[in-house]
């Protein structure tokens, strides 16, 4: 029975990993993709403008 207790944790982790990957793949795109892309673009623009502002002050 030691082999069963040795195999259970890796099997459980593998199953959870597969479900995690499935959730990640299913949530890519869809109805919220445009909102997510806009949020990322806005964050990148803010970071870029902050970087340029701090660079011109020096």
PDB file of N, CA and C in Angstrom:
ATOM      1  N   UNK A   1       0.801  -1.205   0.000  1.00  0.00           N
ATOM      2  CA  UNK A   1       0.000   0.000   0.000  1.00  0.00           C
ATOM      3  C   UNK A   1       0.847   1.273   0.000  1.00  0.00           C
ATOM      4  N   UNK A   2       2.129   1.144   0.225  1.00  0.00           N
ATOM      5  CA  UNK A   2       2.979   2.331   0.194  1.00  0.00           C
ATOM      6  C   UNK A   2       3.022   2.953  -1.207  1.00  0.00           C
ATOM      7  N   UNK A   3       2.936   2.100  -2.231  1.00  0.00           N
ATOM      8  CA  UNK A   3       2.979   2.634  -3.590  1.00  0.00           C
ATOM      9  C   UNK A   3       1.743   3.481  -3.882  1.00  0.00           C
ATOM     10  N   UNK A   4       0.610   3.140  -3.291  1.00  0.00           N
ATOM     11  CA  UNK A   4      -0.600   3.937  -3.500  1.00  0.00           C
ATOM     12  C   UNK A   4      -0.422   5.325  -2.872  1.00  0.00           C
ATOM     13  N   UNK A   5       0.072   5.368  -1.657  1.00  0.00           N
ATOM     14  CA  UNK A   5       0.265   6.662  -1.004  1.00  0.00           C
ATOM     15  C   UNK A   5       1.365   7.465  -1.691  1.00  0.00           C
ATOM     16  N   UNK A   6       2.284   6.806  -2.357  1.00  0.00           N
ATOM     17  CA  UNK A   6       3.335   7.509  -3.086  1.00  0.00           C
ATOM     18  C   UNK A   6       2.813   8.081  -4.404  1.00  0.00           C
ATOM     19  N   UNK A   7       1.806   7.437  -5.015  1.00  0.00           N
ATOM     20  CA  UNK A   7       1.295   7.876  -6.307  1.00  0.00           C
ATOM     21  C   UNK A   7       0.158   8.887  -6.201  1.00  0.00           C
ATOM     22  N   UNK A   8      -0.521   8.933  -5.067  1.00  0.00           N
ATOM     23  CA  UNK A   8      -1.690   9.808  -4.964  1.00  0.00           C
ATOM     24  C   UNK A   8      -1.342  11.291  -5.139  1.00  0.00           C
ATOM     25  N   UNK A   9      -0.352  11.845  -4.455  1.00  0.00           N
ATOM     26  CA  UNK A   9      -0.098  13.293  -4.631  1.00  0.00           C
ATOM     27  C   UNK A   9       0.234  13.696  -6.073  1.00  0.00           C
ATOM     28  N   UNK A  10       1.093  12.978  -6.795  1.00  0.00           N
ATOM     29  CA  UNK A  10       1.354  13.392  -8.181  1.00  0.00           C
ATOM     30  C   UNK A  10       0.116  13.273  -9.078  1.00  0.00           C
ATOM     31  N   UNK A  11      -0.694  12.265  -8.838  1.00  0.00           N
ATOM     32  CA  UNK A  11      -1.899  12.099  -9.660  1.00  0.00           C
ATOM     33  C   UNK A  11      -2.880  13.236  -9.377  1.00  0.00           C
ATOM     34  N   UNK A  12      -3.059  13.568  -8.122  1.00  0.00           N
ATOM     35  CA  UNK A  12      -3.967  14.661  -7.764  1.00  0.00           C
ATOM     36  C   UNK A  12      -3.459  15.972  -8.351  1.00  0.00           C
ATOM     37  N   UNK A  13      -2.170  16.237  -8.260  1.00  0.00           N
ATOM     38  CA  UNK A  13      -1.608  17.464  -8.825  1.00  0.00           C
ATOM     39  C   UNK A  13      -1.774  17.489 -10.342  1.00  0.00           C
ATOM     40  N   UNK A  14      -1.596  16.364 -10.993  1.00  0.00           N
ATOM     41  CA  UNK A  14      -1.754  16.306 -12.449  1.00  0.00           C
ATOM     42  C   UNK A  14      -3.195  16.605 -12.850  1.00  0.00           C
ATOM     43  N   UNK A  15      -4.148  16.055 -12.109  1.00  0.00           N
ATOM     44  CA  UNK A  15      -5.558  16.300 -12.426  1.00  0.00           C
ATOM     45  C   UNK A  15      -5.886  17.776 -12.247  1.00  0.00           C
ATOM     46  N   UNK A  16      -5.456  18.383 -11.144  1.00  0.00           N
ATOM     47  CA  UNK A  16      -5.709  19.807 -10.940  1.00  0.00           C
ATOM     48  C   UNK A  16      -5.017  20.652 -12.006  1.00  0.00           C
ATOM     49  N   UNK A  17      -3.829  20.258 -12.426  1.00  0.00           N
ATOM     50  CA  UNK A  17      -3.111  20.994 -13.464  1.00  0.00           C
ATOM     51  C   UNK A  17      -3.882  20.956 -14.778  1.00  0.00           C
ATOM     52  N   UNK A  18      -4.410  19.790 -15.120  1.00  0.00           N
ATOM     53  CA  UNK A  18      -5.194  19.659 -16.356  1.00  0.00           C
ATOM     54  C   UNK A  18      -6.421  20.555 -16.288  1.00  0.00           C
ATOM     55  N   UNK A  19      -7.119  20.560 -15.160  1.00  0.00           N
ATOM     56  CA  UNK A  19      -8.282  21.431 -15.033  1.00  0.00           C
ATOM     57  C   UNK A  19      -7.895  22.904 -15.099  1.00  0.00           C
ATOM     58  N   UNK A  20      -6.770  23.269 -14.516  1.00  0.00           N
ATOM     59  CA  UNK A  20      -6.298  24.647 -14.576  1.00  0.00           C
ATOM     60  C   UNK A  20      -6.031  25.073 -16.017  1.00  0.00           C
ATOM     61  N   UNK A  21      -5.356  24.220 -16.767  1.00  0.00           N
ATOM     62  CA  UNK A  21      -5.065  24.516 -18.174  1.00  0.00           C
ATOM     63  C   UNK A  21      -6.359  24.648 -18.963  1.00  0.00           C
ATOM     64  N   UNK A  22      -7.327  23.769 -18.700  1.00  0.00           N
ATOM     65  CA  UNK A  22      -8.608  23.857 -19.411  1.00  0.00           C
ATOM     66  C   UNK A  22      -9.311  25.168 -19.119  1.00  0.00           C
ATOM     67  N   UNK A  23      -9.280  25.619 -17.873  1.00  0.00           N
ATOM     68  CA  UNK A  23      -9.918  26.887 -17.518  1.00  0.00           C
ATOM     69  C   UNK A  23      -9.213  28.044 -18.209  1.00  0.00           C
ATOM     70  N   UNK A  24      -7.887  28.007 -18.230  1.00  0.00           N
ATOM     71  CA  UNK A  24      -7.137  29.082 -18.878  1.00  0.00           C
ATOM     72  C   UNK A  24      -7.453  29.130 -20.369  1.00  0.00           C
ATOM     73  N   UNK A  25      -7.495  27.983 -21.011  1.00  0.00           N
ATOM     74  CA  UNK A  25      -7.761  27.948 -22.450  1.00  0.00           C
ATOM     75  C   UNK A  25      -9.189  28.400 -22.740  1.00  0.00           C
ATOM     76  N   UNK A  26     -10.146  27.973 -21.916  1.00  0.00           N
ATOM     77  CA  UNK A  26     -11.543  28.349 -22.162  1.00  0.00           C
ATOM     78  C   UNK A  26     -11.781  29.836 -21.956  1.00  0.00           C
ATOM     79  N   UNK A  27     -11.039  30.475 -21.075  1.00  0.00           N
ATOM     80  CA  UNK A  27     -11.282  31.887 -20.798  1.00  0.00           C
ATOM     81  C   UNK A  27     -10.533  32.803 -21.754  1.00  0.00           C
ATOM     82  N   UNK A  28      -9.746  32.270 -22.652  1.00  0.00           N
ATOM     83  CA  UNK A  28      -9.074  33.112 -23.647  1.00  0.00           C
ATOM     84  C   UNK A  28     -10.084  33.540 -24.696  1.00  0.00           C
ATOM     85  N   UNK A  29     -10.073  34.797 -25.025  1.00  0.00           N
ATOM     86  CA  UNK A  29     -11.006  35.294 -26.029  1.00  0.00           C
ATOM     87  C   UNK A  29     -12.388  35.471 -25.431  1.00  0.00           C
ATOM     88  N   UNK A  30     -13.393  35.290 -26.238  1.00  0.00           N
ATOM     89  CA  UNK A  30     -14.754  35.410 -25.753  1.00  0.00           C
ATOM     90  C   UNK A  30     -15.228  36.848 -25.720  1.00  0.00           C
ATOM     91  N   UNK A  31     -16.323  37.055 -24.986  1.00  0.00           N
ATOM     92  CA  UNK A  31     -16.981  38.360 -24.966  1.00  0.00           C
ATOM     93  C   UNK A  31     -16.141  39.418 -24.262  1.00  0.00           C
ATOM     94  N   UNK A  32     -15.331  39.022 -23.299  1.00  0.00           N
ATOM     95  CA  UNK A  32     -14.575  40.002 -22.519  1.00  0.00           C
ATOM     96  C   UNK A  32     -13.210  40.317 -23.116  1.00  0.00           C
ATOM     97  N   UNK A  33     -12.880  39.717 -24.246  1.00  0.00           N
ATOM     98  CA  UNK A  33     -11.550  39.913 -24.806  1.00  0.00           C
ATOM     99  C   UNK A  33     -11.276  41.383 -25.121  1.00  0.00           C
ATOM    100  N   UNK A  34     -12.227  42.080 -25.681  1.00  0.00           N
ATOM    101  CA  UNK A  34     -12.021  43.486 -26.031  1.00  0.00           C
ATOM    102  C   UNK A  34     -11.796  44.326 -24.782  1.00  0.00           C
ATOM    103  N   UNK A  35     -12.568  44.065 -23.720  1.00  0.00           N
ATOM    104  CA  UNK A  35     -12.389  44.820 -22.475  1.00  0.00           C
ATOM    105  C   UNK A  35     -11.025  44.536 -21.857  1.00  0.00           C
ATOM    106  N   UNK A  36     -10.620  43.268 -21.875  1.00  0.00           N
ATOM    107  CA  UNK A  36      -9.322  42.908 -21.303  1.00  0.00           C
ATOM    108  C   UNK A  36      -8.196  43.546 -22.103  1.00  0.00           C
ATOM    109  N   UNK A  37      -8.303  43.511 -23.422  1.00  0.00           N
ATOM    110  CA  UNK A  37      -7.276  44.124 -24.264  1.00  0.00           C
ATOM    111  C   UNK A  37      -7.203  45.625 -24.026  1.00  0.00           C
ATOM    112  N   UNK A  38      -8.354  46.271 -23.883  1.00  0.00           N
ATOM    113  CA  UNK A  38      -8.371  47.715 -23.638  1.00  0.00           C
ATOM    114  C   UNK A  38      -7.748  48.041 -22.284  1.00  0.00           C
ATOM    115  N   UNK A  39      -8.006  47.211 -21.281  1.00  0.00           N
ATOM    116  CA  UNK A  39      -7.433  47.449 -19.952  1.00  0.00           C
ATOM    117  C   UNK A  39      -5.914  47.303 -19.996  1.00  0.00           C
ATOM    118  N   UNK A  40      -5.429  46.315 -20.710  1.00  0.00           N
ATOM    119  CA  UNK A  40      -3.980  46.111 -20.825  1.00  0.00           C
ATOM    120  C   UNK A  40      -3.345  47.258 -21.601  1.00  0.00           C
ATOM    121  N   UNK A  41      -3.980  47.677 -22.686  1.00  0.00           N
ATOM    122  CA  UNK A  41      -3.448  48.803 -23.463  1.00  0.00           C
ATOM    123  C   UNK A  41      -3.399  50.077 -22.633  1.00  0.00           C
ATOM    124  N   UNK A  42      -4.431  50.319 -21.814  1.00  0.00           N
ATOM    125  CA  UNK A  42      -4.452  51.508 -20.973  1.00  0.00           C
ATOM    126  C   UNK A  42      -3.350  51.449 -19.918  1.00  0.00           C
ATOM    127  N   UNK A  43      -3.149  50.280 -19.329  1.00  0.00           N
ATOM    128  CA  UNK A  43      -2.098  50.140 -18.318  1.00  0.00           C
ATOM    129  C   UNK A  43      -0.722  50.340 -18.943  1.00  0.00           C
ATOM    130  N   UNK A  44      -0.515  49.806 -20.130  1.00  0.00           N
ATOM    131  CA  UNK A  44       0.771  49.989 -20.814  1.00  0.00           C
ATOM    132  C   UNK A  44       0.990  51.460 -21.172  1.00  0.00           C
ATOM    133  N   UNK A  45      -0.061  52.134 -21.605  1.00  0.00           N
ATOM    134  CA  UNK A  45       0.062  53.550 -21.951  1.00  0.00           C
ATOM    135  C   UNK A  45       0.395  54.373 -20.717  1.00  0.00           C
ATOM    136  N   UNK A  46      -0.251  54.064 -19.579  1.00  0.00           N
ATOM    137  CA  UNK A  46       0.058  54.792 -18.338  1.00  0.00           C
ATOM    138  C   UNK A  46       1.503  54.554 -17.925  1.00  0.00           C
ATOM    139  N   UNK A  47       1.948  53.317 -18.024  1.00  0.00           N
ATOM    140  CA  UNK A  47       3.324  53.010 -17.638  1.00  0.00           C
ATOM    141  C   UNK A  47       4.321  53.725 -18.558  1.00  0.00           C
ATOM    142  N   UNK A  48       4.028  53.744 -19.830  1.00  0.00           N
ATOM    143  CA  UNK A  48       4.917  54.398 -20.790  1.00  0.00           C
ATOM    144  C   UNK A  48       4.960  55.906 -20.554  1.00  0.00           C
ATOM    145  N   UNK A  49       3.791  56.507 -20.307  1.00  0.00           N
ATOM    146  CA  UNK A  49       3.776  57.955 -20.072  1.00  0.00           C
ATOM    147  C   UNK A  49       4.471  58.309 -18.758  1.00  0.00           C
ATOM    148  N   UNK A  50       4.327  57.464 -17.749  1.00  0.00           N
ATOM    149  CA  UNK A  50       5.024  57.710 -16.477  1.00  0.00           C
ATOM    150  C   UNK A  50       6.526  57.593 -16.658  1.00  0.00           C
ATOM    151  N   UNK A  51       6.940  56.646 -17.479  1.00  0.00           N
ATOM    152  CA  UNK A  51       8.358  56.458 -17.738  1.00  0.00           C
ATOM    153  C   UNK A  51       8.940  57.662 -18.491  1.00  0.00           C
ATOM    154  N   UNK A  52       8.204  58.151 -19.473  1.00  0.00           N
ATOM    155  CA  UNK A  52       8.661  59.310 -20.231  1.00  0.00           C
ATOM    156  C   UNK A  52       8.677  60.562 -19.375  1.00  0.00           C
ATOM    157  N   UNK A  53       7.688  60.706 -18.509  1.00  0.00           N
ATOM    158  CA  UNK A  53       7.619  61.879 -17.631  1.00  0.00           C
ATOM    159  C   UNK A  53       8.778  61.889 -16.651  1.00  0.00           C
ATOM    160  N   UNK A  54       9.059  60.737 -16.052  1.00  0.00           N
ATOM    161  CA  UNK A  54      10.174  60.673 -15.095  1.00  0.00           C
ATOM    162  C   UNK A  54      11.506  60.810 -15.808  1.00  0.00           C
ATOM    163  N   UNK A  55      11.601  60.392 -17.044  1.00  0.00           N
ATOM    164  CA  UNK A  55      12.833  60.523 -17.803  1.00  0.00           C
ATOM    165  C   UNK A  55      13.115  61.950 -18.207  1.00  0.00           C
ATOM    166  N   UNK A  56      12.068  62.753 -18.492  1.00  0.00           N
ATOM    167  CA  UNK A  56      12.279  64.151 -18.915  1.00  0.00           C
ATOM    168  C   UNK A  56      12.573  65.049 -17.720  1.00  0.00           C
ATOM    169  N   UNK A  57      12.194  64.650 -16.505  1.00  0.00           N
ATOM    170  CA  UNK A  57      12.474  65.450 -15.325  1.00  0.00           C
ATOM    171  C   UNK A  57      13.944  65.397 -14.918  1.00  0.00           C
ATOM    172  N   UNK A  58      14.612  64.338 -15.266  1.00  0.00           N
ATOM    173  CA  UNK A  58      16.002  64.158 -14.817  1.00  0.00           C
ATOM    174  C   UNK A  58      16.994  64.959 -15.610  1.00  0.00           C
TER     175      UNK A  58
END
